[in-house]
N, C-alpha and C. Protein backbone atom coordinates (compact mmCIF):
# COMPACT_ATOMS: atom_id res chain seq x y z
N UNK A 1 5.64 -6.15 19.36
CA UNK A 1 6.93 -5.86 19.88
C UNK A 1 7.08 -5.05 21.31
N UNK A 2 7.95 -5.35 22.04
CA UNK A 2 7.59 -4.78 23.45
C UNK A 2 8.22 -3.38 23.22
N UNK A 3 7.75 -2.65 24.40
CA UNK A 3 8.43 -1.19 24.33
C UNK A 3 9.72 -1.07 24.37
N UNK A 4 10.50 -1.97 25.28
CA UNK A 4 11.80 -1.94 25.22
C UNK A 4 12.54 -2.36 23.91
N UNK A 5 11.96 -3.27 23.37
CA UNK A 5 12.53 -3.87 22.11
C UNK A 5 12.15 -2.71 21.03
N UNK A 6 11.02 -2.06 20.94
CA UNK A 6 10.92 -0.80 20.13
C UNK A 6 11.90 0.36 20.23
N UNK A 7 12.25 0.72 21.69
CA UNK A 7 13.10 1.86 21.98
C UNK A 7 14.40 1.19 21.20
N UNK A 8 14.87 -0.09 21.72
CA UNK A 8 16.34 -0.31 21.23
C UNK A 8 16.23 -0.13 19.56
N UNK A 9 15.31 -0.76 18.92
CA UNK A 9 15.23 -0.74 17.44
C UNK A 9 15.46 0.78 16.77
N UNK A 10 14.65 1.71 17.67
CA UNK A 10 14.66 3.15 17.45
C UNK A 10 16.13 3.47 17.40
N UNK A 11 16.76 3.04 18.81
CA UNK A 11 18.14 3.76 19.25
C UNK A 11 19.19 3.37 18.00
N UNK A 12 18.84 1.97 17.54
CA UNK A 12 19.76 1.42 16.62
C UNK A 12 19.79 2.29 15.18
N UNK A 13 18.47 2.35 14.82
CA UNK A 13 18.17 3.14 13.47
C UNK A 13 18.83 4.61 13.89
N UNK A 14 18.78 5.21 14.83
CA UNK A 14 19.13 6.45 15.08
C UNK A 14 20.84 6.55 15.05
N UNK A 15 21.37 5.55 15.71
CA UNK A 15 22.94 5.42 15.79
C UNK A 15 23.30 5.19 14.32
N UNK A 16 22.71 4.50 13.52
CA UNK A 16 23.25 3.90 12.31
C UNK A 16 22.94 5.52 11.32
N UNK A 17 21.89 6.12 11.48
CA UNK A 17 21.57 7.22 10.80
C UNK A 17 22.49 8.34 11.19
N UNK A 18 23.16 8.65 12.47
CA UNK A 18 24.06 9.49 12.77
C UNK A 18 25.25 9.12 12.08
N UNK A 19 25.68 7.82 12.10
CA UNK A 19 26.82 7.46 11.55
C UNK A 19 26.88 7.57 10.00
N UNK A 20 25.82 7.47 9.28
CA UNK A 20 25.75 7.79 7.94
C UNK A 20 25.89 9.37 7.71
N UNK A 21 25.22 10.09 8.36
CA UNK A 21 25.21 11.60 8.38
C UNK A 21 26.71 12.18 8.61
N UNK A 22 27.46 11.49 9.68
CA UNK A 22 28.66 11.90 10.06
C UNK A 22 29.78 11.23 9.30
N UNK A 23 29.57 10.32 8.40
CA UNK A 23 30.55 9.65 7.61
C UNK A 23 31.37 8.57 8.62
N UNK A 24 30.68 8.14 9.56
CA UNK A 24 31.65 7.11 10.70
C UNK A 24 31.18 5.81 10.28
N UNK A 25 32.17 5.26 10.04
CA UNK A 25 32.25 3.81 9.43
C UNK A 25 31.69 2.84 10.29
N UNK A 26 31.87 2.87 11.56
CA UNK A 26 31.66 1.91 12.59
C UNK A 26 30.41 2.34 13.54
N UNK A 27 29.16 2.05 13.28
CA UNK A 27 28.19 2.39 14.55
C UNK A 27 28.70 2.21 15.70
N UNK A 28 29.69 1.30 16.06
CA UNK A 28 30.03 1.20 17.48
C UNK A 28 30.65 2.54 17.99
N UNK A 29 31.11 3.38 17.23
CA UNK A 29 31.44 4.56 17.27
C UNK A 29 30.70 5.46 17.93
N UNK A 30 29.17 5.22 17.62
CA UNK A 30 28.31 6.27 17.99
C UNK A 30 27.68 5.83 19.21
N UNK A 31 28.34 6.19 20.21
CA UNK A 31 27.78 5.76 21.76
C UNK A 31 26.34 6.44 21.99
N UNK A 32 25.45 5.48 22.28
CA UNK A 32 24.09 6.07 22.57
C UNK A 32 23.74 6.86 23.56
N UNK A 33 24.53 7.12 24.43
CA UNK A 33 24.64 8.32 25.37
C UNK A 33 25.32 9.46 25.31
N UNK A 34 26.03 9.44 24.09
CA UNK A 34 26.82 10.73 24.16
C UNK A 34 26.11 11.76 23.05
N UNK A 35 26.12 13.06 23.41
CA UNK A 35 25.40 14.17 22.87
C UNK A 35 25.62 14.23 21.54
N UNK A 36 24.82 14.57 20.67
CA UNK A 36 24.92 14.76 19.29
C UNK A 36 25.93 15.56 18.96
N UNK A 37 25.99 16.78 19.78
CA UNK A 37 27.09 17.89 19.45
C UNK A 37 28.29 17.46 19.70
N UNK A 38 28.57 16.57 20.76
CA UNK A 38 30.11 15.95 20.96
C UNK A 38 30.41 14.89 19.91
N UNK A 39 29.35 14.16 19.08
CA UNK A 39 29.70 13.40 17.92
C UNK A 39 30.00 14.27 16.93
N UNK A 40 29.84 15.42 16.74
CA UNK A 40 30.23 16.55 15.63
C UNK A 40 29.06 16.91 14.76
N UNK A 41 27.79 16.72 15.23
CA UNK A 41 26.60 17.12 14.68
C UNK A 41 26.46 18.54 14.76
N UNK A 42 26.31 19.34 13.66
CA UNK A 42 25.79 20.53 13.58
C UNK A 42 24.37 20.84 13.33
N UNK A 43 23.87 22.07 13.36
CA UNK A 43 22.29 22.22 13.08
C UNK A 43 21.90 21.56 11.57
N UNK A 44 22.73 21.61 10.84
CA UNK A 44 22.18 20.95 9.41
C UNK A 44 22.13 19.49 9.56
N UNK A 45 23.01 18.95 10.20
CA UNK A 45 23.17 17.37 10.41
C UNK A 45 22.04 17.00 11.29
N UNK A 46 21.68 18.03 12.30
CA UNK A 46 20.59 17.82 13.20
C UNK A 46 18.99 17.67 12.39
N UNK A 47 18.97 18.47 11.62
CA UNK A 47 17.81 18.61 10.43
C UNK A 47 17.79 17.20 9.80
N UNK A 48 18.75 16.73 9.24
CA UNK A 48 18.75 15.54 8.42
C UNK A 48 18.65 14.59 9.17
N UNK A 49 19.09 14.54 10.48
CA UNK A 49 18.59 13.30 11.54
C UNK A 49 17.13 13.29 11.79
N UNK A 50 16.61 14.61 12.00
CA UNK A 50 15.11 14.68 12.51
C UNK A 50 14.46 14.19 11.36
N UNK A 51 14.60 14.65 9.84
CA UNK A 51 13.80 14.24 8.65
C UNK A 51 13.78 12.72 8.64
N UNK A 52 15.16 12.26 8.63
CA UNK A 52 15.20 10.77 8.54
C UNK A 52 14.62 10.14 9.35
N UNK A 53 14.39 10.39 10.65
CA UNK A 53 13.55 9.56 11.71
C UNK A 53 12.28 9.87 11.55
N UNK A 54 11.90 10.81 11.20
CA UNK A 54 10.26 11.13 10.57
C UNK A 54 9.80 10.32 9.58
N UNK A 55 10.67 10.10 8.27
CA UNK A 55 10.48 9.37 7.50
C UNK A 55 10.27 8.02 7.91
N UNK A 56 11.29 7.50 8.69
CA UNK A 56 11.28 6.19 8.99
C UNK A 56 10.17 5.68 9.90
N UNK A 57 9.58 6.66 10.70
CA UNK A 57 8.38 6.25 11.62
C UNK A 57 7.09 6.71 11.39
N UNK A 58 7.32 7.89 10.37
CA UNK A 58 5.87 8.31 10.07
C UNK A 58 5.31 9.08 11.05
N UNK A 59 5.98 9.92 11.91
CA UNK A 59 5.40 10.49 13.03
C UNK A 59 6.38 11.93 13.06
N UNK A 60 5.43 13.12 12.84
CA UNK A 60 6.09 14.48 12.76
C UNK A 60 6.84 14.55 14.08
N UNK A 61 8.04 15.23 14.08
CA UNK A 61 8.94 15.55 15.10
C UNK A 61 8.99 17.03 15.13
N UNK A 62 9.22 17.77 16.34
CA UNK A 62 9.24 19.08 16.41
C UNK A 62 10.76 19.38 15.95
N UNK A 63 10.76 20.57 15.34
CA UNK A 63 12.20 21.02 14.70
C UNK A 63 13.38 20.99 15.62
N UNK A 64 13.45 21.28 17.03
CA UNK A 64 14.47 21.14 17.69
C UNK A 64 14.51 20.03 18.62
N UNK A 65 14.16 18.86 18.07
CA UNK A 65 13.92 17.72 18.86
C UNK A 65 15.48 17.15 19.22
N UNK A 66 16.35 17.39 18.18
CA UNK A 66 17.71 16.92 18.67
C UNK A 66 18.29 17.58 19.76
N UNK A 67 18.08 19.08 19.89
CA UNK A 67 18.65 19.59 20.99
C UNK A 67 17.88 19.35 22.27
N UNK A 68 16.45 19.05 22.25
CA UNK A 68 15.59 18.96 23.41
C UNK A 68 15.85 17.48 24.04
N UNK A 69 16.43 16.43 23.00
CA UNK A 69 16.68 14.92 23.26
C UNK A 69 17.93 14.91 22.85
N UNK A 70 19.08 15.30 23.31
CA UNK A 70 20.41 15.30 22.62
C UNK A 70 21.21 14.01 22.62
N UNK A 71 20.88 12.97 22.79
CA UNK A 71 21.76 11.48 22.65
C UNK A 71 20.66 10.63 21.88
N UNK A 72 21.30 9.72 21.24
CA UNK A 72 20.60 8.56 20.64
C UNK A 72 19.40 8.02 21.54
N UNK A 73 19.80 7.69 22.63
CA UNK A 73 19.15 6.88 23.61
C UNK A 73 18.03 7.76 23.98
N UNK A 74 18.14 9.17 24.25
CA UNK A 74 17.17 10.18 24.67
C UNK A 74 15.90 10.21 23.56
N UNK A 75 16.71 10.32 22.50
CA UNK A 75 15.87 10.75 21.16
C UNK A 75 15.13 9.44 20.85
N UNK A 76 15.54 8.24 21.16
CA UNK A 76 14.65 7.10 20.55
C UNK A 76 13.48 6.99 21.74
N UNK A 77 13.81 7.11 22.94
CA UNK A 77 12.55 7.24 24.08
C UNK A 77 11.61 8.11 23.60
N UNK A 78 12.10 9.26 23.19
CA UNK A 78 11.01 10.41 22.96
C UNK A 78 10.28 9.97 21.78
N UNK A 79 11.05 9.30 20.70
CA UNK A 79 10.31 8.98 19.37
C UNK A 79 9.29 7.86 19.73
N UNK A 80 9.68 6.92 20.70
CA UNK A 80 8.85 6.04 21.04
C UNK A 80 7.66 6.57 21.81
N UNK A 81 7.79 7.53 22.59
CA UNK A 81 6.51 8.21 23.25
C UNK A 81 5.67 8.68 22.18
N UNK A 82 6.27 9.56 21.25
CA UNK A 82 5.39 10.04 20.25
C UNK A 82 4.58 9.00 19.40
N UNK A 83 5.18 7.97 19.08
CA UNK A 83 4.51 6.71 18.36
C UNK A 83 3.43 6.00 19.05
N UNK A 84 3.61 6.34 20.46
CA UNK A 84 2.70 5.72 21.38
C UNK A 84 1.53 6.43 21.75
N UNK A 85 1.67 7.67 21.49
CA UNK A 85 0.51 8.70 21.82
C UNK A 85 -0.53 8.49 21.04
N UNK A 86 -1.79 8.67 21.60
CA UNK A 86 -2.96 8.72 20.76
C UNK A 86 -3.06 9.89 19.92
N UNK A 87 -3.46 9.36 18.67
CA UNK A 87 -3.72 10.37 17.70
C UNK A 87 -4.86 11.40 18.01
N UNK A 88 -4.53 12.84 17.75
CA UNK A 88 -5.40 13.71 18.11
C UNK A 88 -6.26 14.30 16.85
N UNK A 89 -7.69 14.30 16.84
CA UNK A 89 -8.33 14.49 15.84
C UNK A 89 -8.19 15.89 15.40
N UNK A 90 -8.35 16.23 14.28
CA UNK A 90 -8.09 17.83 13.93
C UNK A 90 -9.31 18.41 13.93
């Protein structure tokens, strides 16, 4: 899968998750470039989103990820970078 396809897939997963968390019936109402706060997400919903994305991709994300990357498109790009980063040995 190309990077572009991977980011688009991540973005759609994030949009669908936001729709589920916020009880939005139509994923089309979750604009990929609208900030999560403007969509109605609070800190609890942000934690739910972070945890859902972590579980889906198997990569740990920082606790403030939705504030540092505040739109579905920006979060998808960041998650893709995290997935593409080489693993660091402990």
